C-alpha atoms as a PDB file:
ATOM      1  CA  MET A   1     -84.105 -63.280 -70.982  1.00  0.00           C
ATOM      2  CA  SER A   2     -87.232 -64.878 -72.371  1.00  0.00           C
ATOM      3  CA  GLU A   3     -87.556 -66.909 -75.354  1.00  0.00           C
ATOM      4  CA  TRP A   4     -89.181 -64.053 -77.389  1.00  0.00           C
ATOM      5  CA  GLY A   5     -86.305 -61.801 -76.508  1.00  0.00           C
ATOM      6  CA  ILE A   6     -83.765 -64.321 -77.739  1.00  0.00           C
ATOM      7  CA  ALA A   7     -85.843 -64.973 -80.892  1.00  0.00           C
ATOM      8  CA  LEU A   8     -86.085 -61.289 -81.541  1.00  0.00           C
ATOM      9  CA  ILE A   9     -82.424 -60.706 -81.097  1.00  0.00           C
ATOM     10  CA  ALA A  10     -81.683 -63.574 -83.390  1.00  0.00           C
ATOM     11  CA  ALA A  11     -84.107 -62.436 -86.093  1.00  0.00           C
ATOM     12  CA  GLY A  12     -82.673 -58.996 -85.721  1.00  0.00           C
ATOM     13  CA  SER A  13     -79.099 -60.268 -86.177  1.00  0.00           C
ATOM     14  CA  ALA A  14     -80.191 -62.314 -89.303  1.00  0.00           C
ATOM     15  CA  VAL A  15     -81.758 -59.296 -90.794  1.00  0.00           C
ATOM     16  CA  ALA A  16     -78.841 -56.954 -89.959  1.00  0.00           C
ATOM     17  CA  GLY A  17     -76.484 -59.584 -91.494  1.00  0.00           C
ATOM     18  CA  SER A  18     -78.486 -59.963 -94.599  1.00  0.00           C
ATOM     19  CA  ILE A  19     -78.551 -56.273 -95.083  1.00  0.00           C
ATOM     20  CA  THR A  20     -74.899 -56.051 -94.534  1.00  0.00           C
ATOM     21  CA  THR A  21     -74.103 -58.931 -96.781  1.00  0.00           C
ATOM     22  CA  GLY A  22     -76.592 -57.657 -99.489  1.00  0.00           C
ATOM     23  CA  PHE A  23     -74.926 -54.232 -99.359  1.00  0.00           C
ATOM     24  CA  PHE A  24     -71.477 -55.530 -99.810  1.00  0.00           C
ATOM     25  CA  ALA A  25     -72.565 -57.818-102.593  1.00  0.00           C
ATOM     26  CA  TRP A  26     -74.403 -54.915-104.343  1.00  0.00           C
ATOM     27  CA  LYS A  27     -71.151 -52.801-103.988  1.00  0.00           C
ATOM     28  CA  ALA A  28     -68.978 -55.747-105.492  1.00  0.00           C
ATOM     29  CA  GLY A  29     -71.467 -56.207-108.364  1.00  0.00           C
ATOM     30  CA  HIS A  30     -71.468 -52.485-109.000  1.00  0.00           C
ATOM     31  CA  ARG A  31     -67.638 -52.430-109.261  1.00  0.00           C
ATOM     32  CA  GLN A  32     -67.667 -55.508-111.443  1.00  0.00           C
ATOM     33  CA  ALA A  33     -70.262 -53.979-113.736  1.00  0.00           C
ATOM     34  CA  ALA A  34     -68.260 -50.575-113.953  1.00  0.00           C
ATOM     35  CA  ALA A  35     -64.997 -52.644-114.705  1.00  0.00           C
ATOM     36  CA  ALA A  36     -66.917 -54.753-117.399  1.00  0.00           C
ATOM     37  CA  GLU A  37     -68.130 -51.488-118.980  1.00  0.00           C
ATOM     38  CA  ALA A  38     -64.703 -49.958-118.982  1.00  0.00           C
ATOM     39  CA  ALA A  39     -63.166 -53.100-120.590  1.00  0.00           C
ATOM     40  CA  GLY A  40     -66.013 -53.080-123.128  1.00  0.00           C
ATOM     41  CA  GLN A  41     -65.438 -49.580-123.962  1.00  0.00           C
ATOM     42  CA  ALA A  42     -61.622 -50.077-124.393  1.00  0.00           C
ATOM     43  CA  GLN A  43     -62.226 -52.949-126.577  1.00  0.00           C
ATOM     44  CA  ALA A  44     -64.681 -50.951-128.808  1.00  0.00           C
ATOM     45  CA  ALA A  45     -62.142 -48.105-128.890  1.00  0.00           C
ATOM     46  CA  ALA A  46     -59.432 -50.556-130.127  1.00  0.00           C
ATOM     47  CA  LEU A  47     -61.796 -51.999-132.465  1.00  0.00           C
ATOM     48  CA  VAL A  48     -62.608 -48.468-134.031  1.00  0.00           C
ATOM     49  CA  SER A  49     -58.971 -47.696-134.178  1.00  0.00           C
ATOM     50  CA  THR A  50     -58.285 -50.758-136.106  1.00  0.00           C
ATOM     51  CA  VAL A  51     -60.916 -50.285-138.511  1.00  0.00           C
ATOM     52  CA  GLN A  52     -59.861 -46.523-139.104  1.00  0.00           C
ATOM     53  CA  ALA A  53     -56.466 -47.638-139.556  1.00  0.00           C
ATOM     54  CA  THR A  54     -57.645 -50.252-142.207  1.00  0.00           C
ATOM     55  CA  LEU A  55     -59.783 -47.640-144.205  1.00  0.00           C
ATOM     56  CA  ASP A  56     -56.891 -45.159-144.134  1.00  0.00           C
ATOM     57  CA  GLU A  57     -54.530 -47.783-145.681  1.00  0.00           C
ATOM     58  CA  GLN A  58     -57.077 -48.685-148.197  1.00  0.00           C
ATOM     59  CA  ARG A  59     -57.595 -44.983-148.977  1.00  0.00           C
ATOM     60  CA  ARG A  60     -53.809 -44.558-149.472  1.00  0.00           C
ATOM     61  CA  ALA A  61     -53.584 -47.530-151.488  1.00  0.00           C
ATOM     62  CA  ARG A  62     -56.326 -46.456-153.876  1.00  0.00           C
ATOM     63  CA  ALA A  63     -54.883 -43.017-154.147  1.00  0.00           C
ATOM     64  CA  THR A  64     -51.509 -44.359-155.114  1.00  0.00           C
ATOM     65  CA  ASP A  65     -52.998 -46.757-157.585  1.00  0.00           C
ATOM     66  CA  GLN A  66     -54.783 -44.020-159.188  1.00  0.00           C
ATOM     67  CA  ARG A  67     -51.596 -41.864-159.482  1.00  0.00           C
ATOM     68  CA  ARG A  68     -49.796 -44.994-160.882  1.00  0.00           C
ATOM     69  CA  GLN A  69     -52.463 -45.443-163.523  1.00  0.00           C
ATOM     70  CA  VAL A  70     -52.177 -41.638-164.469  1.00  0.00           C
ATOM     71  CA  TYR A  71     -48.258 -41.990-164.548  1.00  0.00           C
ATOM     72  CA  VAL A  72     -48.546 -44.917-166.661  1.00  0.00           C
ATOM     73  CA  GLU A  73     -50.919 -43.353-169.150  1.00  0.00           C
ATOM     74  CA  PHE A  74     -48.763 -40.325-169.511  1.00  0.00           C
ATOM     75  CA  LEU A  75     -45.780 -42.500-170.316  1.00  0.00           C
ATOM     76  CA  ASP A  76     -47.813 -44.740-172.862  1.00  0.00           C
ATOM     77  CA  ALA A  77     -49.191 -41.507-174.564  1.00  0.00           C
ATOM     78  CA  ALA A  78     -45.631 -40.061-174.859  1.00  0.00           C
ATOM     79  CA  GLN A  79     -44.114 -43.244-176.126  1.00  0.00           C
ATOM     80  CA  CYS A  80     -47.181 -43.379-178.740  1.00  0.00           C
ATOM     81  CA  CYS A  81     -46.682 -39.737-179.669  1.00  0.00           C
ATOM     82  CA  GLN A  82     -42.983 -40.269-180.280  1.00  0.00           C
ATOM     83  CA  ILE A  83     -43.616 -43.544-182.585  1.00  0.00           C
ATOM     84  CA  ASN A  84     -46.542 -42.059-184.559  1.00  0.00           C
ATOM     85  CA  ARG A  85     -46.845 -38.130-184.051  1.00  0.00           C
ATOM     86  CA  THR A  86     -50.499 -37.398-185.241  1.00  0.00           C
ATOM     87  CA  GLU A  87     -52.937 -34.887-183.822  1.00  0.00           C
ATOM     88  CA  ASP A  88     -54.744 -37.524-181.926  1.00  0.00           C
ATOM     89  CA  THR A  89     -51.589 -38.841-180.109  1.00  0.00           C
ATOM     90  CA  GLY A  90     -50.564 -35.150-179.421  1.00  0.00           C
ATOM     91  CA  SER A  91     -53.957 -34.391-177.995  1.00  0.00           C
ATOM     92  CA  ARG A  92     -53.703 -37.744-175.801  1.00  0.00           C
ATOM     93  CA  LEU A  93     -50.407 -36.723-174.564  1.00  0.00           C
ATOM     94  CA  LEU A  94     -51.392 -33.134-173.573  1.00  0.00           C
ATOM     95  CA  ARG A  95     -54.491 -34.603-171.686  1.00  0.00           C
ATOM     96  CA  ALA A  96     -52.328 -37.173-169.945  1.00  0.00           C
ATOM     97  CA  GLU A  97     -49.790 -34.424-168.897  1.00  0.00           C
ATOM     98  CA  SER A  98     -52.628 -32.276-167.412  1.00  0.00           C
ATOM     99  CA  MET A  99     -53.684 -35.306-165.360  1.00  0.00           C
ATOM    100  CA  VAL A 100     -50.210 -35.860-164.052  1.00  0.00           C
ATOM    101  CA  TYR A 101     -50.196 -32.051-162.934  1.00  0.00           C
ATOM    102  CA  VAL A 102     -53.632 -32.879-161.220  1.00  0.00           C
ATOM    103  CA  VAL A 103     -52.266 -35.656-159.267  1.00  0.00           C
ATOM    104  CA  GLY A 104     -48.783 -34.377-158.590  1.00  0.00           C
ATOM    105  CA  PRO A 105     -46.313 -34.157-156.935  1.00  0.00           C
ATOM    106  CA  GLU A 106     -44.496 -31.076-158.507  1.00  0.00           C
ATOM    107  CA  ASP A 107     -41.184 -33.019-159.569  1.00  0.00           C
ATOM    108  CA  VAL A 108     -43.138 -35.574-161.362  1.00  0.00           C
ATOM    109  CA  ALA A 109     -45.266 -32.825-163.232  1.00  0.00           C
ATOM    110  CA  ARG A 110     -42.153 -31.051-164.079  1.00  0.00           C
ATOM    111  CA  ALA A 111     -40.408 -34.280-165.415  1.00  0.00           C
ATOM    112  CA  SER A 112     -43.656 -35.017-167.465  1.00  0.00           C
ATOM    113  CA  SER A 113     -43.700 -31.503-169.008  1.00  0.00           C
ATOM    114  CA  GLU A 114     -40.064 -31.756-170.042  1.00  0.00           C
ATOM    115  CA  TYR A 115     -40.700 -35.331-171.476  1.00  0.00           C
ATOM    116  CA  CYS A 116     -44.034 -34.043-173.138  1.00  0.00           C
ATOM    117  CA  GLN A 117     -42.183 -31.208-174.940  1.00  0.00           C
ATOM    118  CA  LEU A 118     -39.585 -33.535-176.482  1.00  0.00           C
ATOM    119  CA  ALA A 119     -42.168 -36.156-177.406  1.00  0.00           C
ATOM    120  CA  LEU A 120     -44.166 -33.633-179.495  1.00  0.00           C
ATOM    121  CA  VAL A 121     -41.154 -32.686-181.699  1.00  0.00           C
ATOM    122  CA  ARG A 122     -41.980 -33.544-185.249  1.00  0.00           C
ATOM    123  CA  SER A 123     -39.244 -35.376-187.038  1.00  0.00           C
ATOM    124  CA  PRO A 124     -36.590 -34.969-184.123  1.00  0.00           C
ATOM    125  CA  SER A 125     -32.994 -35.102-184.628  1.00  0.00           C
ATOM    126  CA  GLU A 126     -30.603 -37.643-182.963  1.00  0.00           C
ATOM    127  CA  GLN A 127     -29.760 -35.095-180.381  1.00  0.00           C
ATOM    128  CA  GLU A 128     -33.482 -34.514-179.670  1.00  0.00           C
ATOM    129  CA  LYS A 129     -34.128 -38.258-179.636  1.00  0.00           C
ATOM    130  CA  ASP A 130     -31.277 -38.666-176.979  1.00  0.00           C
ATOM    131  CA  ALA A 131     -32.834 -35.846-175.028  1.00  0.00           C
ATOM    132  CA  ALA A 132     -36.279 -37.422-175.080  1.00  0.00           C
ATOM    133  CA  GLU A 133     -34.851 -40.721-173.858  1.00  0.00           C
ATOM    134  CA  ASP A 134     -33.146 -38.818-170.935  1.00  0.00           C
ATOM    135  CA  ALA A 135     -36.255 -37.093-170.272  1.00  0.00           C
ATOM    136  CA  ARG A 136     -38.074 -40.429-170.084  1.00  0.00           C
ATOM    137  CA  VAL A 137     -35.641 -41.766-167.919  1.00  0.00           C
ATOM    138  CA  ALA A 138     -35.928 -38.809-165.554  1.00  0.00           C
ATOM    139  CA  TYR A 139     -39.737 -39.057-165.635  1.00  0.00           C
ATOM    140  CA  ILE A 140     -39.587 -42.639-164.634  1.00  0.00           C
ATOM    141  CA  ALA A 141     -37.228 -41.728-161.773  1.00  0.00           C
ATOM    142  CA  ALA A 142     -39.412 -39.087-160.529  1.00  0.00           C
ATOM    143  CA  VAL A 143     -42.395 -41.332-160.692  1.00  0.00           C
ATOM    144  CA  ARG A 144     -40.643 -44.024-158.731  1.00  0.00           C
ATOM    145  CA  GLY A 145     -39.541 -41.592-156.074  1.00  0.00           C
ATOM    146  CA  ALA A 146     -43.283 -40.455-155.855  1.00  0.00           C
ATOM    147  CA  LEU A 147     -44.522 -43.835-155.422  1.00  0.00           C
ATOM    148  CA  GLY A 148     -41.847 -44.650-152.785  1.00  0.00           C
ATOM    149  CA  GLU A 149     -40.301 -47.449-155.252  1.00  0.00           C
ATOM    150  CA  ASP A 150     -36.820 -46.163-155.113  1.00  0.00           C
END
């Protein structure tokens, strides 16, 4: 074979080898890019899930805190009404009771209604005072149950 033939075969082999190597390198690079993309998407999904869980927990904490404030306002209004029964304290108590009905749950609302009725009594007898204290204790127990503080 002539030198040109040998050179042509060697050049063709080099080109074929380069094409084959390039093809396999391209395929490997493509697979690595796809794996990196999948890993990035999984990491982003995990981050979004973590952020969502944090936001949900903050939302629950704010709602619980708001309910706690409503419950405390009702308790304070009822006790003020029992100590000094005036039109203002009675109105404040009824507004607070309404707010308890809004934030719920039903067992706390019922307990607040029972306590409210007894706190609004003018010049209560000893029996009514005892009933009011029992209603106050029942209200606090219902609140603690609703807030998960048993």
